[in-house]
């Protein structure tokens, strides 16, 4: 689910579901602690920005790009002098629905501050894509929604490739071996995304990738930046969030539908992620909506 921010927004709906929201911010607006299941990209065009994600602080200078992960509690502070910023939120369904790209969703599970001095090539690509998306948003020519969607996909591919380059030990030097790793990783992630309701032992998914349990554990974490079980939990929590916020399905049923083996486990894991019980979360979300 994508939450609307204060100010001027453009929401694009597909089959009743908002897949992305673009916000061109020109006010000195602060956003108190909140969270959303959408991934978020922020880039100041003038002036700075301070963002706190789960107590970790990030200061953005002009043109810095910050990735705010899905489901993370965060707050945003703008300088009193004002400024101009691009804020883009999008549902990871956008990536998961494209064959071969599901594996790219892992890059939106951790904060990532991208500065031009530290990641010049990637930063240049993302900055250009965000500015082009802003132009699409302002001009609203025919097919502008598809144009912005294409730029989100291109940005995700660029970030996923860069993330892989930061873990050279995972890949063989030869291109063919590297490609095999990418194919295997996407196969694993797509399998998890389709079968999260089932009991998914690590050993079983390791066989899909063609690795031993030990090798798979190390390989998956190096590739994704989070462990296999952390990724699986994120997928299940994301499904539960949407059901809690948008339906009246009983919580026990939601626990089973999202892949948790018991209501006790669901309650414990959900509260660890949100500091709210599923019932408290549902009441808060439905009151907001």
C-alpha atoms as a PDB file:
ATOM      1  CA  UNK A   1       0.000   0.000   0.000  1.00  0.00           C
ATOM      2  CA  UNK A   2       1.249   3.484  -0.851  1.00  0.00           C
ATOM      3  CA  UNK A   3       0.450   6.308   1.541  1.00  0.00           C
ATOM      4  CA  UNK A   4      -0.161   9.780   0.215  1.00  0.00           C
ATOM      5  CA  UNK A   5       2.067  12.566   1.449  1.00  0.00           C
ATOM      6  CA  UNK A   6       0.944  16.101   2.056  1.00  0.00           C
ATOM      7  CA  UNK A   7       1.216  18.286  -1.012  1.00  0.00           C
ATOM      8  CA  UNK A   8       0.950  17.874  -4.768  1.00  0.00           C
ATOM      9  CA  UNK A   9       0.917  14.232  -5.804  1.00  0.00           C
ATOM     10  CA  UNK A  10       0.400  12.118  -8.863  1.00  0.00           C
ATOM     11  CA  UNK A  11      -0.968   8.642  -8.185  1.00  0.00           C
ATOM     12  CA  UNK A  12      -1.125   6.033 -10.928  1.00  0.00           C
ATOM     13  CA  UNK A  13      -3.515   3.130 -10.439  1.00  0.00           C
ATOM     14  CA  UNK A  14      -3.484  -0.274 -12.110  1.00  0.00           C
ATOM     15  CA  UNK A  15      -6.490  -2.485 -11.363  1.00  0.00           C
ATOM     16  CA  UNK A  16      -7.313  -0.349  -8.347  1.00  0.00           C
ATOM     17  CA  UNK A  17      -3.817  -0.557  -6.858  1.00  0.00           C
ATOM     18  CA  UNK A  18      -1.447   2.388  -6.658  1.00  0.00           C
ATOM     19  CA  UNK A  19       1.902   1.232  -7.995  1.00  0.00           C
ATOM     20  CA  UNK A  20       3.723   4.530  -7.686  1.00  0.00           C
ATOM     21  CA  UNK A  21       3.356   8.045  -6.351  1.00  0.00           C
ATOM     22  CA  UNK A  22       5.484  10.987  -7.449  1.00  0.00           C
ATOM     23  CA  UNK A  23       5.844  14.069  -5.260  1.00  0.00           C
ATOM     24  CA  UNK A  24       7.520  17.291  -6.413  1.00  0.00           C
ATOM     25  CA  UNK A  25       8.200  19.015  -3.111  1.00  0.00           C
ATOM     26  CA  UNK A  26       8.856  22.778  -3.108  1.00  0.00           C
ATOM     27  CA  UNK A  27       7.834  23.514   0.484  1.00  0.00           C
ATOM     28  CA  UNK A  28       9.727  23.212   3.769  1.00  0.00           C
ATOM     29  CA  UNK A  29       7.603  20.214   4.748  1.00  0.00           C
ATOM     30  CA  UNK A  30       8.478  17.843   7.567  1.00  0.00           C
ATOM     31  CA  UNK A  31       7.055  14.334   7.705  1.00  0.00           C
ATOM     32  CA  UNK A  32       6.740  12.813  11.203  1.00  0.00           C
ATOM     33  CA  UNK A  33       7.456   9.168  11.930  1.00  0.00           C
ATOM     34  CA  UNK A  34       5.621   6.935   9.498  1.00  0.00           C
ATOM     35  CA  UNK A  35       6.137   3.856   7.384  1.00  0.00           C
ATOM     36  CA  UNK A  36       4.763   2.337   4.201  1.00  0.00           C
ATOM     37  CA  UNK A  37       5.117  -0.904   2.298  1.00  0.00           C
ATOM     38  CA  UNK A  38       6.246   1.030  -0.779  1.00  0.00           C
ATOM     39  CA  UNK A  39       9.924   1.622  -1.480  1.00  0.00           C
ATOM     40  CA  UNK A  40      10.907   5.308  -1.552  1.00  0.00           C
ATOM     41  CA  UNK A  41      13.577   7.318  -3.385  1.00  0.00           C
ATOM     42  CA  UNK A  42      14.383  10.901  -2.349  1.00  0.00           C
ATOM     43  CA  UNK A  43      16.639  13.383  -4.148  1.00  0.00           C
ATOM     44  CA  UNK A  44      16.954  17.063  -3.113  1.00  0.00           C
ATOM     45  CA  UNK A  45      17.250  19.374  -6.128  1.00  0.00           C
ATOM     46  CA  UNK A  46      18.115  22.386  -3.962  1.00  0.00           C
ATOM     47  CA  UNK A  47      18.592  22.578  -0.229  1.00  0.00           C
ATOM     48  CA  UNK A  48      19.224  19.582   2.003  1.00  0.00           C
ATOM     49  CA  UNK A  49      17.135  17.026   3.805  1.00  0.00           C
ATOM     50  CA  UNK A  50      17.561  15.027   7.010  1.00  0.00           C
ATOM     51  CA  UNK A  51      16.050  11.565   7.225  1.00  0.00           C
ATOM     52  CA  UNK A  52      15.964   9.232  10.216  1.00  0.00           C
ATOM     53  CA  UNK A  53      15.355   5.560   9.477  1.00  0.00           C
ATOM     54  CA  UNK A  54      15.008   3.372  12.572  1.00  0.00           C
ATOM     55  CA  UNK A  55      17.122   5.789  14.646  1.00  0.00           C
ATOM     56  CA  UNK A  56      19.900   5.973  11.995  1.00  0.00           C
ATOM     57  CA  UNK A  57      20.376   9.524  10.611  1.00  0.00           C
ATOM     58  CA  UNK A  58      21.087  10.409   6.972  1.00  0.00           C
ATOM     59  CA  UNK A  59      21.912  13.921   5.808  1.00  0.00           C
ATOM     60  CA  UNK A  60      21.236  14.598   2.146  1.00  0.00           C
ATOM     61  CA  UNK A  61      22.996  17.372   0.314  1.00  0.00           C
ATOM     62  CA  UNK A  62      21.785  18.661  -3.038  1.00  0.00           C
ATOM     63  CA  UNK A  63      21.557  15.777  -5.577  1.00  0.00           C
ATOM     64  CA  UNK A  64      22.240  13.042  -3.008  1.00  0.00           C
ATOM     65  CA  UNK A  65      19.890  10.086  -3.459  1.00  0.00           C
ATOM     66  CA  UNK A  66      18.476   8.073  -0.565  1.00  0.00           C
ATOM     67  CA  UNK A  67      16.675   4.744  -0.824  1.00  0.00           C
ATOM     68  CA  UNK A  68      14.223   4.245   2.047  1.00  0.00           C
ATOM     69  CA  UNK A  69      13.368   0.545   2.365  1.00  0.00           C
ATOM     70  CA  UNK A  70       9.912  -0.941   2.576  1.00  0.00           C
ATOM     71  CA  UNK A  71       8.255  -1.208   5.973  1.00  0.00           C
ATOM     72  CA  UNK A  72      10.854   0.859   7.850  1.00  0.00           C
ATOM     73  CA  UNK A  73       9.799   3.535  10.350  1.00  0.00           C
ATOM     74  CA  UNK A  74      11.246   6.873   9.225  1.00  0.00           C
ATOM     75  CA  UNK A  75      10.869  10.627   9.558  1.00  0.00           C
ATOM     76  CA  UNK A  76      11.934  13.478   7.269  1.00  0.00           C
ATOM     77  CA  UNK A  77      13.081  16.980   8.242  1.00  0.00           C
ATOM     78  CA  UNK A  78      13.355  19.787   5.704  1.00  0.00           C
ATOM     79  CA  UNK A  79      15.467  22.920   6.276  1.00  0.00           C
ATOM     80  CA  UNK A  80      13.524  26.058   7.210  1.00  0.00           C
ATOM     81  CA  UNK A  81      14.976  27.798   4.161  1.00  0.00           C
ATOM     82  CA  UNK A  82      12.919  25.492   1.963  1.00  0.00           C
ATOM     83  CA  UNK A  83      14.234  23.890  -1.183  1.00  0.00           C
ATOM     84  CA  UNK A  84      13.094  21.499  -3.870  1.00  0.00           C
ATOM     85  CA  UNK A  85      12.988  17.726  -3.832  1.00  0.00           C
ATOM     86  CA  UNK A  86      11.829  14.705  -5.791  1.00  0.00           C
ATOM     87  CA  UNK A  87      10.113  11.985  -3.772  1.00  0.00           C
ATOM     88  CA  UNK A  88       9.147   8.792  -5.588  1.00  0.00           C
ATOM     89  CA  UNK A  89       7.334   5.893  -3.907  1.00  0.00           C
ATOM     90  CA  UNK A  90       6.544   2.644  -5.667  1.00  0.00           C
ATOM     91  CA  UNK A  91       5.148  -0.758  -4.866  1.00  0.00           C
ATOM     92  CA  UNK A  92       7.589  -3.646  -5.273  1.00  0.00           C
ATOM     93  CA  UNK A  93       4.821  -5.482  -7.134  1.00  0.00           C
ATOM     94  CA  UNK A  94       6.061  -3.432 -10.059  1.00  0.00           C
ATOM     95  CA  UNK A  95       9.343  -5.367 -10.071  1.00  0.00           C
ATOM     96  CA  UNK A  96       8.050  -8.741  -8.920  1.00  0.00           C
ATOM     97  CA  UNK A  97       5.588  -8.888 -11.787  1.00  0.00           C
ATOM     98  CA  UNK A  98       8.359  -8.827 -14.398  1.00  0.00           C
ATOM     99  CA  UNK A  99      10.052 -12.153 -15.105  1.00  0.00           C
ATOM    100  CA  UNK A 100      13.763 -11.997 -14.414  1.00  0.00           C
ATOM    101  CA  UNK A 101      13.476  -8.816 -12.317  1.00  0.00           C
ATOM    102  CA  UNK A 102      12.003 -10.159  -9.090  1.00  0.00           C
ATOM    103  CA  UNK A 103      15.504 -10.540  -7.669  1.00  0.00           C
ATOM    104  CA  UNK A 104      16.075  -6.795  -7.935  1.00  0.00           C
ATOM    105  CA  UNK A 105      13.537  -6.157  -5.165  1.00  0.00           C
ATOM    106  CA  UNK A 106      16.116  -7.136  -2.520  1.00  0.00           C
ATOM    107  CA  UNK A 107      17.901  -3.793  -2.940  1.00  0.00           C
ATOM    108  CA  UNK A 108      14.912  -2.022  -1.392  1.00  0.00           C
ATOM    109  CA  UNK A 109      15.109  -3.852   1.930  1.00  0.00           C
ATOM    110  CA  UNK A 110      17.952  -1.726   3.359  1.00  0.00           C
ATOM    111  CA  UNK A 111      18.690   2.031   3.411  1.00  0.00           C
ATOM    112  CA  UNK A 112      21.142   3.141   0.717  1.00  0.00           C
ATOM    113  CA  UNK A 113      22.586   6.666   0.479  1.00  0.00           C
ATOM    114  CA  UNK A 114      24.081   7.269  -2.967  1.00  0.00           C
ATOM    115  CA  UNK A 115      26.439  10.240  -3.242  1.00  0.00           C
ATOM    116  CA  UNK A 116      28.044  11.464  -6.484  1.00  0.00           C
ATOM    117  CA  UNK A 117      31.542  11.460  -4.980  1.00  0.00           C
ATOM    118  CA  UNK A 118      31.272   7.825  -3.876  1.00  0.00           C
ATOM    119  CA  UNK A 119      29.237   6.226  -6.684  1.00  0.00           C
ATOM    120  CA  UNK A 120      29.630   8.600  -9.631  1.00  0.00           C
ATOM    121  CA  UNK A 121      28.403   6.286 -12.391  1.00  0.00           C
ATOM    122  CA  UNK A 122      25.364   4.912 -10.553  1.00  0.00           C
ATOM    123  CA  UNK A 123      24.493   8.330  -9.161  1.00  0.00           C
ATOM    124  CA  UNK A 124      24.607   9.866 -12.629  1.00  0.00           C
ATOM    125  CA  UNK A 125      22.261   7.226 -14.010  1.00  0.00           C
ATOM    126  CA  UNK A 126      19.751   7.569 -11.173  1.00  0.00           C
ATOM    127  CA  UNK A 127      19.833  11.361 -11.181  1.00  0.00           C
ATOM    128  CA  UNK A 128      19.093  11.450 -14.912  1.00  0.00           C
ATOM    129  CA  UNK A 129      16.229   8.960 -14.515  1.00  0.00           C
ATOM    130  CA  UNK A 130      14.677  10.924 -11.654  1.00  0.00           C
ATOM    131  CA  UNK A 131      14.899  14.210 -13.555  1.00  0.00           C
ATOM    132  CA  UNK A 132      13.373  12.570 -16.629  1.00  0.00           C
ATOM    133  CA  UNK A 133      10.577  11.142 -14.459  1.00  0.00           C
ATOM    134  CA  UNK A 134       9.974  14.633 -13.071  1.00  0.00           C
ATOM    135  CA  UNK A 135       9.682  15.985 -16.625  1.00  0.00           C
ATOM    136  CA  UNK A 136       7.168  13.241 -17.437  1.00  0.00           C
ATOM    137  CA  UNK A 137       5.226  14.131 -14.297  1.00  0.00           C
ATOM    138  CA  UNK A 138       5.147  17.862 -15.128  1.00  0.00           C
ATOM    139  CA  UNK A 139       4.377  17.593 -18.842  1.00  0.00           C
ATOM    140  CA  UNK A 140       1.922  14.682 -18.663  1.00  0.00           C
ATOM    141  CA  UNK A 141       2.226  13.775 -22.315  1.00  0.00           C
ATOM    142  CA  UNK A 142       0.540  10.646 -23.652  1.00  0.00           C
ATOM    143  CA  UNK A 143       1.777   7.483 -21.903  1.00  0.00           C
ATOM    144  CA  UNK A 144       3.597   9.467 -19.208  1.00  0.00           C
ATOM    145  CA  UNK A 145       2.586   6.861 -16.595  1.00  0.00           C
ATOM    146  CA  UNK A 146       4.314   4.153 -18.640  1.00  0.00           C
ATOM    147  CA  UNK A 147       7.298   6.476 -19.083  1.00  0.00           C
ATOM    148  CA  UNK A 148       7.735   6.878 -15.326  1.00  0.00           C
ATOM    149  CA  UNK A 149       7.238   3.142 -14.785  1.00  0.00           C
ATOM    150  CA  UNK A 150      10.000   2.398 -17.310  1.00  0.00           C
ATOM    151  CA  UNK A 151      12.387   4.716 -15.452  1.00  0.00           C
ATOM    152  CA  UNK A 152      11.653   2.998 -12.125  1.00  0.00           C
ATOM    153  CA  UNK A 153      12.467  -0.355 -13.716  1.00  0.00           C
ATOM    154  CA  UNK A 154      15.685   0.985 -15.273  1.00  0.00           C
ATOM    155  CA  UNK A 155      16.726   2.465 -11.908  1.00  0.00           C
ATOM    156  CA  UNK A 156      16.117  -0.878 -10.167  1.00  0.00           C
ATOM    157  CA  UNK A 157      18.197  -2.750 -12.751  1.00  0.00           C
ATOM    158  CA  UNK A 158      21.061  -0.242 -12.417  1.00  0.00           C
ATOM    159  CA  UNK A 159      21.060  -0.493  -8.618  1.00  0.00           C
ATOM    160  CA  UNK A 160      20.882  -4.289  -8.657  1.00  0.00           C
ATOM    161  CA  UNK A 161      23.872  -4.485 -10.996  1.00  0.00           C
ATOM    162  CA  UNK A 162      25.871  -2.115  -8.801  1.00  0.00           C
ATOM    163  CA  UNK A 163      24.997  -4.122  -5.683  1.00  0.00           C
ATOM    164  CA  UNK A 164      26.354  -7.250  -7.350  1.00  0.00           C
ATOM    165  CA  UNK A 165      29.600  -5.491  -8.232  1.00  0.00           C
ATOM    166  CA  UNK A 166      30.171  -4.736  -4.553  1.00  0.00           C
ATOM    167  CA  UNK A 167      30.394  -8.471  -3.789  1.00  0.00           C
ATOM    168  CA  UNK A 168      32.918  -9.721  -6.381  1.00  0.00           C
ATOM    169  CA  UNK A 169      33.695 -12.819  -4.336  1.00  0.00           C
ATOM    170  CA  UNK A 170      30.226 -14.164  -5.067  1.00  0.00           C
ATOM    171  CA  UNK A 171      30.843 -14.304  -8.797  1.00  0.00           C
ATOM    172  CA  UNK A 172      33.278 -16.071 -11.047  1.00  0.00           C
ATOM    173  CA  UNK A 173      35.424 -13.795 -13.191  1.00  0.00           C
ATOM    174  CA  UNK A 174      33.948 -15.217 -16.353  1.00  0.00           C
ATOM    175  CA  UNK A 175      30.778 -13.572 -17.598  1.00  0.00           C
ATOM    176  CA  UNK A 176      28.982 -16.864 -18.184  1.00  0.00           C
ATOM    177  CA  UNK A 177      29.392 -17.872 -14.527  1.00  0.00           C
ATOM    178  CA  UNK A 178      28.201 -14.453 -13.386  1.00  0.00           C
ATOM    179  CA  UNK A 179      25.102 -14.805 -15.561  1.00  0.00           C
ATOM    180  CA  UNK A 180      24.373 -18.227 -14.058  1.00  0.00           C
ATOM    181  CA  UNK A 181      24.487 -16.707 -10.552  1.00  0.00           C
ATOM    182  CA  UNK A 182      22.034 -13.979 -11.567  1.00  0.00           C
ATOM    183  CA  UNK A 183      19.653 -16.495 -13.140  1.00  0.00           C
ATOM    184  CA  UNK A 184      19.835 -18.718 -10.051  1.00  0.00           C
ATOM    185  CA  UNK A 185      19.205 -15.813  -7.696  1.00  0.00           C
ATOM    186  CA  UNK A 186      16.179 -14.643  -9.672  1.00  0.00           C
ATOM    187  CA  UNK A 187      14.858 -18.203  -9.720  1.00  0.00           C
ATOM    188  CA  UNK A 188      15.152 -18.387  -5.922  1.00  0.00           C
ATOM    189  CA  UNK A 189      13.467 -15.044  -5.329  1.00  0.00           C
ATOM    190  CA  UNK A 190      10.665 -15.772  -7.780  1.00  0.00           C
ATOM    191  CA  UNK A 191      10.095 -19.120  -6.072  1.00  0.00           C
ATOM    192  CA  UNK A 192       9.942 -17.444  -2.642  1.00  0.00           C
ATOM    193  CA  UNK A 193       7.541 -14.773  -3.935  1.00  0.00           C
ATOM    194  CA  UNK A 194       5.222 -17.464  -5.322  1.00  0.00           C
ATOM    195  CA  UNK A 195       5.428 -19.978  -2.461  1.00  0.00           C
ATOM    196  CA  UNK A 196       5.753 -17.788   0.661  1.00  0.00           C
ATOM    197  CA  UNK A 197       2.527 -19.332   2.048  1.00  0.00           C
ATOM    198  CA  UNK A 198       4.193 -22.740   2.245  1.00  0.00           C
ATOM    199  CA  UNK A 199       6.770 -24.080   4.645  1.00  0.00           C
ATOM    200  CA  UNK A 200      10.045 -23.114   2.931  1.00  0.00           C
ATOM    201  CA  UNK A 201      13.061 -24.748   4.569  1.00  0.00           C
ATOM    202  CA  UNK A 202      16.357 -23.161   3.622  1.00  0.00           C
ATOM    203  CA  UNK A 203      17.657 -26.549   2.497  1.00  0.00           C
ATOM    204  CA  UNK A 204      14.837 -26.891  -0.059  1.00  0.00           C
ATOM    205  CA  UNK A 205      15.431 -23.472  -1.643  1.00  0.00           C
ATOM    206  CA  UNK A 206      19.190 -24.129  -1.610  1.00  0.00           C
ATOM    207  CA  UNK A 207      18.571 -27.158  -3.848  1.00  0.00           C
ATOM    208  CA  UNK A 208      16.699 -24.958  -6.318  1.00  0.00           C
ATOM    209  CA  UNK A 209      19.837 -22.811  -6.566  1.00  0.00           C
ATOM    210  CA  UNK A 210      22.045 -25.887  -6.803  1.00  0.00           C
ATOM    211  CA  UNK A 211      23.992 -25.182  -3.597  1.00  0.00           C
ATOM    212  CA  UNK A 212      24.637 -26.874  -0.302  1.00  0.00           C
ATOM    213  CA  UNK A 213      22.899 -25.371   2.752  1.00  0.00           C
ATOM    214  CA  UNK A 214      26.132 -23.736   3.955  1.00  0.00           C
ATOM    215  CA  UNK A 215      27.108 -22.308   0.562  1.00  0.00           C
ATOM    216  CA  UNK A 216      23.560 -21.086  -0.110  1.00  0.00           C
ATOM    217  CA  UNK A 217      23.359 -19.254   3.226  1.00  0.00           C
ATOM    218  CA  UNK A 218      26.531 -17.291   2.478  1.00  0.00           C
ATOM    219  CA  UNK A 219      25.705 -16.808  -1.219  1.00  0.00           C
ATOM    220  CA  UNK A 220      22.190 -15.475  -0.644  1.00  0.00           C
ATOM    221  CA  UNK A 221      23.259 -12.974   2.011  1.00  0.00           C
ATOM    222  CA  UNK A 222      26.163 -11.706  -0.071  1.00  0.00           C
ATOM    223  CA  UNK A 223      23.929 -11.349  -3.112  1.00  0.00           C
ATOM    224  CA  UNK A 224      20.904  -9.779  -1.357  1.00  0.00           C
ATOM    225  CA  UNK A 225      22.509  -8.013   1.592  1.00  0.00           C
ATOM    226  CA  UNK A 226      20.067  -9.802   3.922  1.00  0.00           C
ATOM    227  CA  UNK A 227      19.664 -13.428   4.897  1.00  0.00           C
ATOM    228  CA  UNK A 228      17.282 -15.883   3.258  1.00  0.00           C
ATOM    229  CA  UNK A 229      15.010 -15.907   6.310  1.00  0.00           C
ATOM    230  CA  UNK A 230      15.054 -12.107   6.559  1.00  0.00           C
ATOM    231  CA  UNK A 231      13.951 -11.874   2.932  1.00  0.00           C
ATOM    232  CA  UNK A 232      11.230 -14.493   3.395  1.00  0.00           C
ATOM    233  CA  UNK A 233       9.948 -12.682   6.495  1.00  0.00           C
ATOM    234  CA  UNK A 234       9.861  -9.363   4.627  1.00  0.00           C
ATOM    235  CA  UNK A 235       7.767 -10.918   1.863  1.00  0.00           C
ATOM    236  CA  UNK A 236       5.322 -12.435   4.356  1.00  0.00           C
ATOM    237  CA  UNK A 237       5.041  -9.246   6.431  1.00  0.00           C
ATOM    238  CA  UNK A 238       4.404  -7.197   3.284  1.00  0.00           C
ATOM    239  CA  UNK A 239       1.501  -9.489   2.320  1.00  0.00           C
ATOM    240  CA  UNK A 240       0.085  -9.292   5.848  1.00  0.00           C
ATOM    241  CA  UNK A 241       0.336  -5.474   5.895  1.00  0.00           C
ATOM    242  CA  UNK A 242      -1.743  -5.179   2.749  1.00  0.00           C
ATOM    243  CA  UNK A 243      -4.399  -7.600   3.997  1.00  0.00           C
ATOM    244  CA  UNK A 244      -4.645  -5.898   7.388  1.00  0.00           C
ATOM    245  CA  UNK A 245      -4.993  -2.443   5.875  1.00  0.00           C
ATOM    246  CA  UNK A 246      -7.346  -3.305   3.016  1.00  0.00           C
ATOM    247  CA  UNK A 247      -9.580  -6.133   4.172  1.00  0.00           C
ATOM    248  CA  UNK A 248     -11.677  -7.434   7.056  1.00  0.00           C
ATOM    249  CA  UNK A 249     -10.178 -10.923   6.858  1.00  0.00           C
ATOM    250  CA  UNK A 250      -9.712 -12.364  10.391  1.00  0.00           C
ATOM    251  CA  UNK A 251      -6.172 -12.010  11.709  1.00  0.00           C
ATOM    252  CA  UNK A 252      -5.774 -15.757  12.221  1.00  0.00           C
ATOM    253  CA  UNK A 253      -6.563 -16.281   8.539  1.00  0.00           C
ATOM    254  CA  UNK A 254      -4.162 -13.499   7.528  1.00  0.00           C
ATOM    255  CA  UNK A 255      -1.395 -15.201   9.507  1.00  0.00           C
ATOM    256  CA  UNK A 256      -1.885 -18.426   7.554  1.00  0.00           C
ATOM    257  CA  UNK A 257      -2.392 -16.684   4.186  1.00  0.00           C
ATOM    258  CA  UNK A 258       0.875 -14.781   4.603  1.00  0.00           C
ATOM    259  CA  UNK A 259       2.834 -17.939   5.419  1.00  0.00           C
ATOM    260  CA  UNK A 260       3.121 -17.948   9.224  1.00  0.00           C
ATOM    261  CA  UNK A 261       2.627 -21.338  10.848  1.00  0.00           C
ATOM    262  CA  UNK A 262       0.845 -20.026  13.943  1.00  0.00           C
ATOM    263  CA  UNK A 263      -0.911 -16.894  15.185  1.00  0.00           C
ATOM    264  CA  UNK A 264       1.615 -16.652  18.030  1.00  0.00           C
ATOM    265  CA  UNK A 265       4.554 -16.544  15.610  1.00  0.00           C
ATOM    266  CA  UNK A 266       2.752 -14.034  13.402  1.00  0.00           C
ATOM    267  CA  UNK A 267       1.996 -11.712  16.331  1.00  0.00           C
ATOM    268  CA  UNK A 268       5.581 -11.907  17.613  1.00  0.00           C
ATOM    269  CA  UNK A 269       7.261 -11.296  14.244  1.00  0.00           C
ATOM    270  CA  UNK A 270       4.825  -8.550  13.245  1.00  0.00           C
ATOM    271  CA  UNK A 271       5.344  -6.662  16.509  1.00  0.00           C
ATOM    272  CA  UNK A 272       9.113  -6.952  16.137  1.00  0.00           C
ATOM    273  CA  UNK A 273       8.816  -5.294  12.711  1.00  0.00           C
ATOM    274  CA  UNK A 274       6.301  -2.549  13.563  1.00  0.00           C
ATOM    275  CA  UNK A 275       6.221  -2.233  17.347  1.00  0.00           C
ATOM    276  CA  UNK A 276       2.468  -2.786  16.951  1.00  0.00           C
ATOM    277  CA  UNK A 277       0.362  -5.928  17.141  1.00  0.00           C
ATOM    278  CA  UNK A 278      -1.516  -6.842  13.940  1.00  0.00           C
ATOM    279  CA  UNK A 279      -4.766  -5.647  15.561  1.00  0.00           C
ATOM    280  CA  UNK A 280      -3.235  -2.293  16.549  1.00  0.00           C
ATOM    281  CA  UNK A 281      -1.779  -1.927  13.058  1.00  0.00           C
ATOM    282  CA  UNK A 282      -5.156  -2.638  11.403  1.00  0.00           C
ATOM    283  CA  UNK A 283      -6.972  -0.146  13.627  1.00  0.00           C
ATOM    284  CA  UNK A 284      -4.389   2.556  12.935  1.00  0.00           C
ATOM    285  CA  UNK A 285      -4.311   1.974   9.174  1.00  0.00           C
ATOM    286  CA  UNK A 286      -8.049   1.800   8.707  1.00  0.00           C
ATOM    287  CA  UNK A 287      -8.542   4.938  10.794  1.00  0.00           C
ATOM    288  CA  UNK A 288      -5.983   6.763   8.598  1.00  0.00           C
ATOM    289  CA  UNK A 289      -7.650   5.599   5.394  1.00  0.00           C
END
